Protein backbone atom coordinates (compact mmCIF):
# COMPACT_ATOMS: atom_id res chain seq x y z
CA MET A 1 -16.17 6.38 8.05
CA ASN A 2 -17.38 7.28 11.54
CA ARG A 3 -21.10 7.29 12.05
CA GLY A 4 -22.87 9.04 14.90
CA SER A 5 -25.76 7.72 16.93
CA GLY A 6 -28.27 9.54 14.72
CA SER A 7 -30.27 10.96 17.64
CA GLY A 8 -31.80 14.35 16.98
CA ASN A 9 -30.70 14.71 13.37
CA SER A 10 -31.96 11.68 11.48
CA GLY A 11 -34.78 13.60 9.77
CA HIS A 12 -32.77 16.05 7.65
CA ARG A 13 -30.13 15.80 4.96
CA ASP A 14 -26.60 17.13 5.14
CA VAL A 15 -24.91 19.23 2.44
CA TYR A 16 -24.01 16.04 0.53
CA GLY A 17 -27.61 14.92 0.24
CA ARG A 18 -27.43 12.16 2.87
CA ARG A 19 -29.61 11.85 5.93
CA GLY A 20 -28.37 12.82 9.36
CA GLY A 21 -26.55 10.57 11.81
CA VAL A 22 -23.19 11.12 10.09
CA ASN A 23 -20.09 12.75 11.49
CA LEU A 24 -19.79 15.58 8.94
CA PRO A 25 -16.03 16.32 9.28
CA ALA A 26 -15.23 12.61 8.92
CA LEU A 27 -17.61 12.30 5.96
CA ARG A 28 -16.14 15.33 4.24
CA GLY A 29 -12.60 13.95 4.61
CA HIS A 30 -13.72 10.53 3.41
CA ASN A 31 -15.43 11.87 0.30
CA ASP A 32 -12.52 14.19 -0.50
CA ALA A 33 -10.29 11.11 -0.33
CA LEU A 34 -12.58 9.21 -2.70
CA VAL A 35 -12.34 11.96 -5.31
CA LEU A 36 -8.59 12.43 -4.93
CA ASP A 37 -7.99 8.68 -5.15
CA LEU A 38 -9.93 8.43 -8.42
CA LEU A 39 -8.13 11.43 -9.89
CA ARG A 40 -4.81 9.94 -8.86
CA ALA A 41 -5.66 6.70 -10.64
CA ALA A 42 -6.80 8.56 -13.76
CA GLY A 43 -3.41 10.22 -14.16
CA PRO A 44 -2.78 13.33 -16.28
CA ALA A 45 -5.79 12.60 -18.52
CA GLY A 46 -8.12 13.30 -15.62
CA LEU A 47 -11.83 12.62 -15.11
CA GLY A 48 -15.00 14.64 -15.51
CA ARG A 49 -17.34 15.45 -12.65
CA THR A 50 -19.95 13.09 -14.11
CA GLU A 51 -17.52 10.17 -13.96
CA LEU A 52 -16.50 11.11 -10.43
CA ALA A 53 -20.12 11.14 -9.31
CA ALA A 54 -20.84 7.79 -10.98
CA ARG A 55 -17.79 6.08 -9.51
CA THR A 56 -18.14 7.41 -5.97
CA GLY A 57 -21.91 7.26 -5.65
CA LEU A 58 -21.93 10.94 -4.63
CA THR A 59 -24.35 13.47 -6.08
CA PRO A 60 -23.09 15.78 -8.86
CA GLN A 61 -23.64 18.72 -6.52
CA ALA A 62 -21.48 17.10 -3.84
CA VAL A 63 -18.73 16.38 -6.37
CA SER A 64 -18.80 19.99 -7.58
CA LYS A 65 -18.39 21.28 -4.02
CA ILE A 66 -15.61 18.84 -3.27
CA THR A 67 -13.63 19.59 -6.44
CA ALA A 68 -14.07 23.34 -5.94
CA ARG A 69 -12.66 23.04 -2.43
CA LEU A 70 -9.80 20.83 -3.59
CA GLY A 71 -9.06 23.33 -6.37
CA VAL A 72 -8.75 26.17 -3.85
CA GLU A 73 -6.30 23.99 -1.90
CA GLY A 74 -4.23 23.48 -5.07
CA LEU A 75 -4.78 19.72 -5.12
CA VAL A 76 -6.95 19.64 -8.24
CA ALA A 77 -6.69 21.50 -11.56
CA GLU A 78 -8.32 21.36 -14.98
CA ALA A 79 -6.90 18.83 -17.44
CA GLY A 80 -8.64 20.14 -20.56
CA ARG A 81 -11.93 19.10 -22.10
CA ALA A 82 -13.21 15.73 -23.24
CA ALA A 83 -14.25 15.17 -26.85
CA SER A 84 -17.78 16.37 -27.49
CA THR A 85 -20.50 13.75 -27.90
CA GLY A 86 -23.04 16.26 -29.16
CA GLY A 87 -23.38 18.53 -26.15
CA LYS A 88 -21.04 20.87 -24.37
CA PRO A 89 -17.58 19.24 -23.93
CA ARG A 90 -16.98 18.07 -20.37
CA THR A 91 -14.27 19.73 -18.30
CA LEU A 92 -11.76 17.18 -17.06
CA LEU A 93 -10.03 17.44 -13.70
CA ARG A 94 -6.68 16.04 -12.61
CA LEU A 95 -4.65 15.66 -9.46
CA VAL A 96 -1.75 18.13 -9.05
CA PRO A 97 1.07 15.79 -7.91
CA ASP A 98 3.66 18.39 -6.96
CA VAL A 99 1.60 20.29 -4.42
CA ARG A 100 2.48 17.88 -1.55
CA HIS A 101 5.19 15.28 -0.98
CA ALA A 102 5.84 12.42 1.46
CA VAL A 103 8.96 10.50 2.52
CA GLY A 104 9.31 6.75 2.83
CA VAL A 105 12.14 5.01 4.69
CA HIS A 106 13.04 1.33 4.49
CA LEU A 107 15.00 0.19 7.55
CA ASP A 108 16.55 -3.11 6.55
CA ARG A 109 18.90 -5.18 8.68
CA ASP A 110 21.99 -3.91 6.89
CA GLU A 111 20.95 -0.87 4.83
CA LEU A 112 18.62 2.12 4.78
CA LEU A 113 16.83 3.59 1.77
CA ALA A 114 14.82 6.83 1.84
CA VAL A 115 12.71 8.27 -0.98
CA ARG A 116 10.64 11.41 -1.39
CA VAL A 117 7.57 10.98 -3.57
CA ASP A 118 4.93 13.26 -5.04
CA LEU A 119 1.20 12.63 -4.77
CA ALA A 120 1.29 10.37 -7.82
CA GLY A 121 3.81 8.14 -6.03
CA ARG A 122 6.70 9.13 -8.32
CA VAL A 123 10.11 9.18 -6.67
CA VAL A 124 11.62 12.68 -6.89
CA ALA A 125 14.60 12.14 -4.53
CA GLU A 126 16.40 9.10 -3.15
CA SER A 127 19.21 8.40 -0.70
CA GLY A 128 20.59 5.13 0.60
CA GLY A 129 23.46 3.72 2.60
CA PRO A 130 24.57 1.00 5.02
CA LEU A 131 22.83 0.48 8.34
CA ASP A 132 23.69 -1.73 11.29
CA PHE A 133 20.26 -2.65 12.65
CA GLY A 134 21.98 -4.52 15.46
CA ALA A 135 23.58 -1.30 16.72
CA GLY A 136 20.24 -0.51 18.34
CA PRO A 137 17.33 1.88 18.03
CA GLU A 138 19.11 5.12 18.89
CA ALA A 139 21.63 4.74 16.07
CA ALA A 140 18.85 3.86 13.63
CA VAL A 141 16.83 6.93 14.65
CA GLU A 142 19.80 9.17 13.89
CA ALA A 143 20.20 7.47 10.52
CA VAL A 144 16.53 8.04 9.66
CA VAL A 145 16.68 11.71 10.65
CA ARG A 146 19.73 12.26 8.46
CA ALA A 147 18.15 10.38 5.54
CA VAL A 148 14.93 12.41 5.70
CA ALA A 149 17.01 15.59 5.68
CA ARG A 150 18.96 14.39 2.63
CA VAL A 151 15.87 13.68 0.52
CA GLY A 152 13.90 16.66 1.81
CA ASP A 153 13.62 20.04 0.11
CA PRO A 154 13.01 22.93 2.54
CA SER A 155 11.96 25.21 -0.32
CA GLY A 156 9.79 22.56 -1.99
CA PRO A 157 6.24 21.32 -1.40
CA PRO A 158 5.20 20.60 2.20
CA LEU A 159 5.68 17.07 3.50
CA LEU A 160 2.50 15.28 4.54
CA GLY A 161 4.48 12.86 6.67
CA VAL A 162 7.05 10.09 6.83
CA GLY A 163 6.42 6.37 6.47
CA VAL A 164 8.90 3.97 8.04
CA ALA A 165 9.07 0.29 7.09
CA ALA A 166 11.02 -1.97 9.44
CA PRO A 167 11.46 -5.69 10.11
CA GLY A 168 8.68 -7.20 12.19
CA PRO A 169 7.14 -8.09 14.43
CA LEU A 170 5.89 -4.69 15.51
CA ASP A 171 2.71 -3.01 16.70
CA HIS A 172 1.47 -0.90 13.80
CA ARG A 173 -1.26 0.78 15.85
CA ALA A 174 0.96 1.78 18.78
CA GLY A 175 4.04 2.47 16.66
CA VAL A 176 6.17 0.21 18.87
CA MET A 177 8.72 -2.36 17.78
CA GLY A 178 8.42 -6.01 18.79
CA ARG A 179 10.97 -8.74 19.37
CA VAL A 180 12.68 -8.66 15.98
CA THR A 181 14.35 -12.03 15.38
CA GLY A 182 18.04 -11.69 16.22
CA PHE A 183 17.75 -8.11 17.53
CA PRO A 184 16.43 -8.17 21.12
CA SER A 185 17.41 -4.54 21.85
CA TRP A 186 14.54 -3.35 19.65
CA LYS A 187 11.75 -4.89 21.75
CA ASP A 188 9.21 -2.30 22.98
CA PHE A 189 11.06 0.65 21.43
CA PRO A 190 8.50 3.39 20.57
CA LEU A 191 9.99 4.15 17.16
CA ARG A 192 7.06 6.14 15.78
CA GLY A 193 6.80 8.47 18.76
CA VAL A 194 10.54 9.08 18.92
CA LEU A 195 10.72 9.90 15.21
CA GLU A 196 7.70 12.20 15.37
CA GLY A 197 9.45 14.11 18.16
CA ARG A 198 12.67 14.39 16.15
CA LEU A 199 11.15 15.13 12.75
CA GLY A 200 8.17 17.28 13.73
CA LEU A 201 6.05 15.38 11.20
CA PRO A 202 3.40 12.65 11.33
CA VAL A 203 5.06 9.22 11.15
CA VAL A 204 3.52 5.89 10.11
CA LEU A 205 5.35 2.72 11.19
CA ASP A 206 4.68 -0.65 9.60
CA LYS A 207 6.37 -3.89 8.67
CA ASP A 208 8.53 -3.85 5.55
CA THR A 209 6.36 -6.52 3.95
CA ASN A 210 3.18 -4.51 4.53
CA ALA A 211 4.78 -1.47 2.95
CA GLY A 212 5.84 -3.65 0.02
CA ALA A 213 2.28 -4.90 -0.35
CA ALA A 214 0.92 -1.34 -0.32
CA ALA A 215 3.38 -0.27 -3.03
CA ALA A 216 2.94 -3.34 -5.22
CA ALA A 217 -0.84 -3.52 -4.96
CA GLY A 218 -1.19 0.22 -5.47
CA ALA A 219 0.86 0.10 -8.67
CA TRP A 220 -1.13 -2.91 -9.89
CA LEU A 221 -4.53 -1.38 -9.15
CA ARG A 222 -3.69 1.95 -10.78
CA ALA A 223 -2.42 0.15 -13.87
CA THR A 224 -5.70 -1.76 -14.24
CA TRP A 225 -8.21 0.92 -13.22
CA PRO A 226 -11.34 1.28 -15.38
CA ASP A 227 -10.74 3.38 -18.49
CA ALA A 228 -11.15 7.07 -17.69
CA ASP A 229 -12.74 7.67 -21.10
CA ALA A 230 -15.39 4.96 -20.76
CA ASP A 231 -19.04 5.86 -20.59
CA ALA A 232 -20.03 7.01 -17.10
CA ASP A 233 -23.03 4.67 -16.87
CA ALA A 234 -20.94 1.69 -17.89
CA ASP A 235 -18.32 2.67 -15.33
CA ALA A 236 -20.97 2.87 -12.64
CA ASP A 237 -22.00 -0.70 -13.41
CA ALA A 238 -18.42 -1.98 -13.59
CA TYR A 239 -17.02 -0.22 -10.57
CA VAL A 240 -18.38 0.05 -7.06
CA GLY A 241 -16.34 2.70 -5.29
CA ARG A 242 -15.56 3.32 -1.66
CA GLY A 243 -18.41 5.81 -1.26
CA ALA A 244 -20.10 6.50 2.05
CA ASP A 245 -23.24 4.63 0.99
CA ALA A 246 -21.32 1.41 0.30
CA GLY A 247 -21.58 0.42 3.96
CA PRO A 248 -18.92 -0.35 6.57
CA ASP A 249 -18.01 -3.76 5.14
CA ALA A 250 -17.37 -2.34 1.67
CA GLU A 251 -15.33 0.68 2.72
CA GLY A 252 -11.81 0.45 1.37
CA ALA A 253 -12.52 -2.22 -1.24
CA GLU A 254 -12.37 -1.91 -5.01
CA VAL A 255 -14.96 -4.20 -6.61
CA TYR A 256 -15.00 -4.83 -10.36
CA ALA A 257 -17.59 -6.44 -12.59
CA GLY A 258 -17.23 -10.20 -12.48
CA GLY A 259 -14.22 -10.06 -10.22
CA GLY A 260 -14.92 -9.14 -6.61
CA ALA A 261 -12.34 -7.32 -4.52
CA ARG A 262 -8.85 -7.64 -5.98
CA THR A 263 -6.39 -9.47 -3.72
CA CYS A 264 -2.68 -10.19 -3.80
CA VAL A 265 0.27 -11.25 -1.69
CA TYR A 266 3.64 -9.53 -1.80
CA LEU A 267 6.57 -11.86 -1.06
CA HIS A 268 9.75 -10.13 0.07
CA ILE A 269 13.00 -12.09 -0.22
CA GLY A 270 15.98 -10.20 1.13
CA THR A 271 17.89 -10.55 4.40
CA GLY A 272 14.76 -12.36 5.56
CA LEU A 273 11.49 -13.62 4.07
CA GLY A 274 8.05 -12.21 4.71
CA ALA A 275 4.68 -11.60 3.13
CA GLY A 276 2.45 -8.58 2.85
CA LEU A 277 -1.24 -9.38 2.38
CA TRP A 278 -3.53 -7.13 0.30
CA LEU A 279 -7.01 -8.44 1.08
CA GLY A 280 -10.40 -6.75 0.81
CA GLY A 281 -8.97 -3.60 -0.71
CA GLY A 282 -6.23 -2.91 1.84
CA VAL A 283 -3.28 -4.28 3.80
CA TYR A 284 -4.33 -7.04 6.18
CA ARG A 285 -2.26 -6.90 9.37
CA GLY A 286 -4.15 -9.17 11.73
CA ALA A 287 -5.41 -8.45 15.24
CA ARG A 288 -1.89 -8.04 16.61
CA SER A 289 -0.10 -6.71 13.48
CA ALA A 290 1.46 -10.16 13.17
CA ALA A 291 0.00 -11.37 9.85
CA GLY A 292 2.40 -12.26 7.06
CA GLU A 293 5.10 -14.25 8.87
CA PHE A 294 5.59 -16.15 5.64
CA GLY A 295 9.24 -17.00 6.26
CA HIS A 296 8.59 -19.04 9.38
CA GLN A 297 6.23 -21.67 8.02
CA VAL A 298 7.87 -25.07 8.35
CA LEU A 299 8.46 -26.90 5.08
CA LEU A 300 10.91 -29.58 6.27
CA LEU A 301 10.42 -31.28 9.63
CA ASP A 302 13.77 -31.61 11.44
CA GLY A 303 15.39 -29.38 8.79
CA PRO A 304 18.11 -26.80 9.41
CA ARG A 305 17.73 -24.55 12.43
CA CYS A 306 16.15 -21.16 11.70
CA ARG A 307 17.08 -18.03 13.63
CA CYS A 308 13.53 -17.99 15.00
CA GLY A 309 14.37 -21.22 16.88
CA ALA A 310 12.32 -23.63 14.76
CA ARG A 311 13.64 -26.10 12.20
CA GLY A 312 12.99 -26.30 8.47
CA CYS A 313 11.46 -22.84 8.02
CA VAL A 314 11.14 -21.60 4.46
CA GLU A 315 13.44 -18.68 5.34
CA ALA A 316 16.22 -20.96 6.54
CA LEU A 317 15.88 -23.27 3.53
CA CYS A 318 15.71 -20.45 0.99
CA LEU A 319 18.58 -18.38 2.35
CA GLU A 320 20.72 -21.51 2.70
CA ALA A 321 20.17 -22.19 -1.01
CA VAL A 322 21.02 -18.57 -1.88
CA ALA A 323 24.22 -18.77 0.18
CA ARG A 324 25.45 -21.80 -1.76
CA GLY A 325 24.57 -20.13 -5.08
CA ASP A 326 21.61 -22.33 -5.97
CA VAL A 327 19.14 -19.60 -6.91
CA PRO A 328 16.76 -21.91 -8.85
CA GLU A 329 16.37 -24.06 -5.74
CA ALA A 330 15.78 -20.96 -3.60
CA ALA A 331 13.05 -19.90 -6.00
CA ARG A 332 11.50 -23.38 -5.95
CA ILE A 333 11.38 -23.29 -2.14
CA VAL A 334 9.67 -19.90 -2.24
CA GLY A 335 7.23 -21.33 -4.77
CA GLU A 336 6.27 -24.22 -2.48
CA ALA A 337 5.64 -21.83 0.41
CA ALA A 338 3.73 -19.48 -1.90
CA ALA A 339 1.54 -22.36 -3.06
CA ASN A 340 0.56 -23.00 0.57
CA LEU A 341 -0.38 -19.33 0.94
CA VAL A 342 -2.37 -19.30 -2.30
CA ALA A 343 -4.27 -22.42 -1.25
CA LEU A 344 -5.24 -20.71 2.01
CA LEU A 345 -6.12 -17.25 0.67
CA ASP A 346 -7.17 -17.76 -2.98
CA VAL A 347 -5.51 -14.56 -4.18
CA ASP A 348 -5.45 -13.06 -7.68
CA ARG A 349 -1.76 -12.25 -7.87
CA VAL A 350 1.60 -13.13 -6.29
CA LEU A 351 4.05 -10.23 -6.45
CA LEU A 352 7.76 -10.74 -5.79
CA GLY A 353 10.30 -8.24 -4.46
CA GLY A 354 13.45 -7.80 -2.39
CA ARG A 355 17.14 -7.84 -3.20
CA VAL A 356 17.37 -11.60 -3.77
CA VAL A 357 14.58 -11.42 -6.35
CA ALA A 358 16.13 -8.31 -7.93
CA ALA A 359 19.36 -10.24 -8.52
CA ALA A 360 17.57 -12.97 -10.52
CA PRO A 361 14.06 -11.77 -11.38
CA ASP A 362 13.41 -14.09 -14.32
CA VAL A 363 14.42 -17.15 -12.32
CA PHE A 364 12.09 -16.31 -9.45
CA VAL A 365 9.09 -15.45 -11.62
CA ALA A 366 9.51 -18.62 -13.69
CA ARG A 367 10.20 -21.04 -10.82
CA VAL A 368 7.52 -19.69 -8.47
CA GLY A 369 5.05 -19.70 -11.36
CA ALA A 370 5.92 -23.29 -12.25
CA VAL A 371 5.33 -24.53 -8.69
CA LEU A 372 2.00 -22.72 -8.48
CA ALA A 373 0.94 -24.23 -11.81
CA ALA A 374 1.93 -27.74 -10.69
CA ARG A 375 0.07 -27.46 -7.39
CA ALA A 376 -2.95 -25.50 -8.60
CA LEU A 377 -6.31 -26.94 -7.60
CA ASP A 378 -8.11 -24.48 -9.89
CA PRO A 379 -7.24 -23.67 -13.54
CA ALA A 380 -7.62 -19.96 -12.74
CA ARG A 381 -4.37 -19.79 -10.78
CA PRO A 382 -2.91 -16.44 -9.71
CA VAL A 383 -0.53 -14.43 -11.86
CA VAL A 384 3.09 -14.30 -10.69
CA ALA A 385 4.90 -11.04 -11.39
CA LEU A 386 7.54 -8.68 -10.09
CA ALA A 387 6.39 -5.99 -7.70
CA GLY A 388 6.03 -2.66 -9.47
CA ALA A 389 7.52 -0.61 -6.62
CA GLY A 390 9.84 -1.02 -3.63
CA VAL A 391 9.39 -1.07 0.13
CA ALA A 392 10.52 2.54 0.63
CA GLN A 393 7.93 3.69 -1.90
CA GLY A 394 5.32 1.66 -0.03
CA ALA A 395 6.31 3.37 3.21
CA ALA A 396 5.81 6.75 1.50
CA GLU A 397 2.47 5.49 0.18
CA MET A 398 1.37 4.83 3.75
CA ALA A 399 2.30 8.39 4.68
CA LEU A 400 -0.10 9.56 1.95
CA THR A 401 -2.97 7.52 3.44
CA PRO A 402 -4.73 10.46 5.17
CA LEU A 403 -5.09 12.20 1.80
CA PHE A 404 -6.27 9.21 -0.26
CA GLY A 405 -8.13 7.28 2.41
CA ARG A 406 -6.20 4.01 2.11
CA ALA A 407 -4.50 1.91 4.77
């Protein structure tokens, strides 16, 4: 949330009951996002205005104004009434998923997958096919434009934007590709700007692993959200939302009773290896968008040469094991590298995805889990599980960020 200097207006309250010094348009968008995010998590059952106020820290009057405005925009509708507890039954509100859509595109080294999702993150259209990433940026741009057209629906809900997930490194803020290992022609290509010009839509560009983390963590958090039917006062104690009064350090984080902010790492094992980090309630990219180069940590000094130029990288060791058909060994190698990451970051959950994992999911979950258990320094080791959604869905999730206030 952007805060102003406070000069000249610190003595009065705005329409949401807070004192001056706040950028009102930014605040309004932030609080709308808080409400929409909670309604999205609640699903079709919805939430009452009292619960929304308790969970966001907003006043009931502010919540009523926000939900009325969102209702006029078609984003929110009534979901029925809650069971009476002696007084007038509460009206429940829900998100309307079909009123807007977004598209997510996964640019892999040898294939492209595009999905169109509704506001609940459900895939409503999908298209995939081969891609030669080495053919260069111009060919990939044409492939993305065609894929977006295939999954789009000109007569359907408006598209909020397009998320594109690509191999790193890249500059997420500038929307510019970096020196992708093995593909020098991509360096400094302004992929986001070029696609925005071709598509006429907002475009978000991020690493494939970050998109995977956004999809996996989002699915996990929504599946474990506080019960929508719980008592509002209890919810207020158990859940500290992303409200404007939480302060700049708390913005974006979900904090639960006894648990702190939920954290996880998403490990992607496909044509390469990488990690997406979900820390402090959002994707952690690092100062230069370079965080998560999981595949290039050295596990074996003087080991086989990796395409990055080093020797004994986890990526080289793992993919070599996959190539010779030794999937259990590949999973064990990933487990050793994951244990290093867990020891550094102390995360709650390790989520696995990518085509190599999809081909042998039980092997990877079991072997990675076994290594983490053997190397655990704390009995409360992280859970190992399959990611609940794919990279293309995560890219679409990032395109929805302006509506739900996540990054």
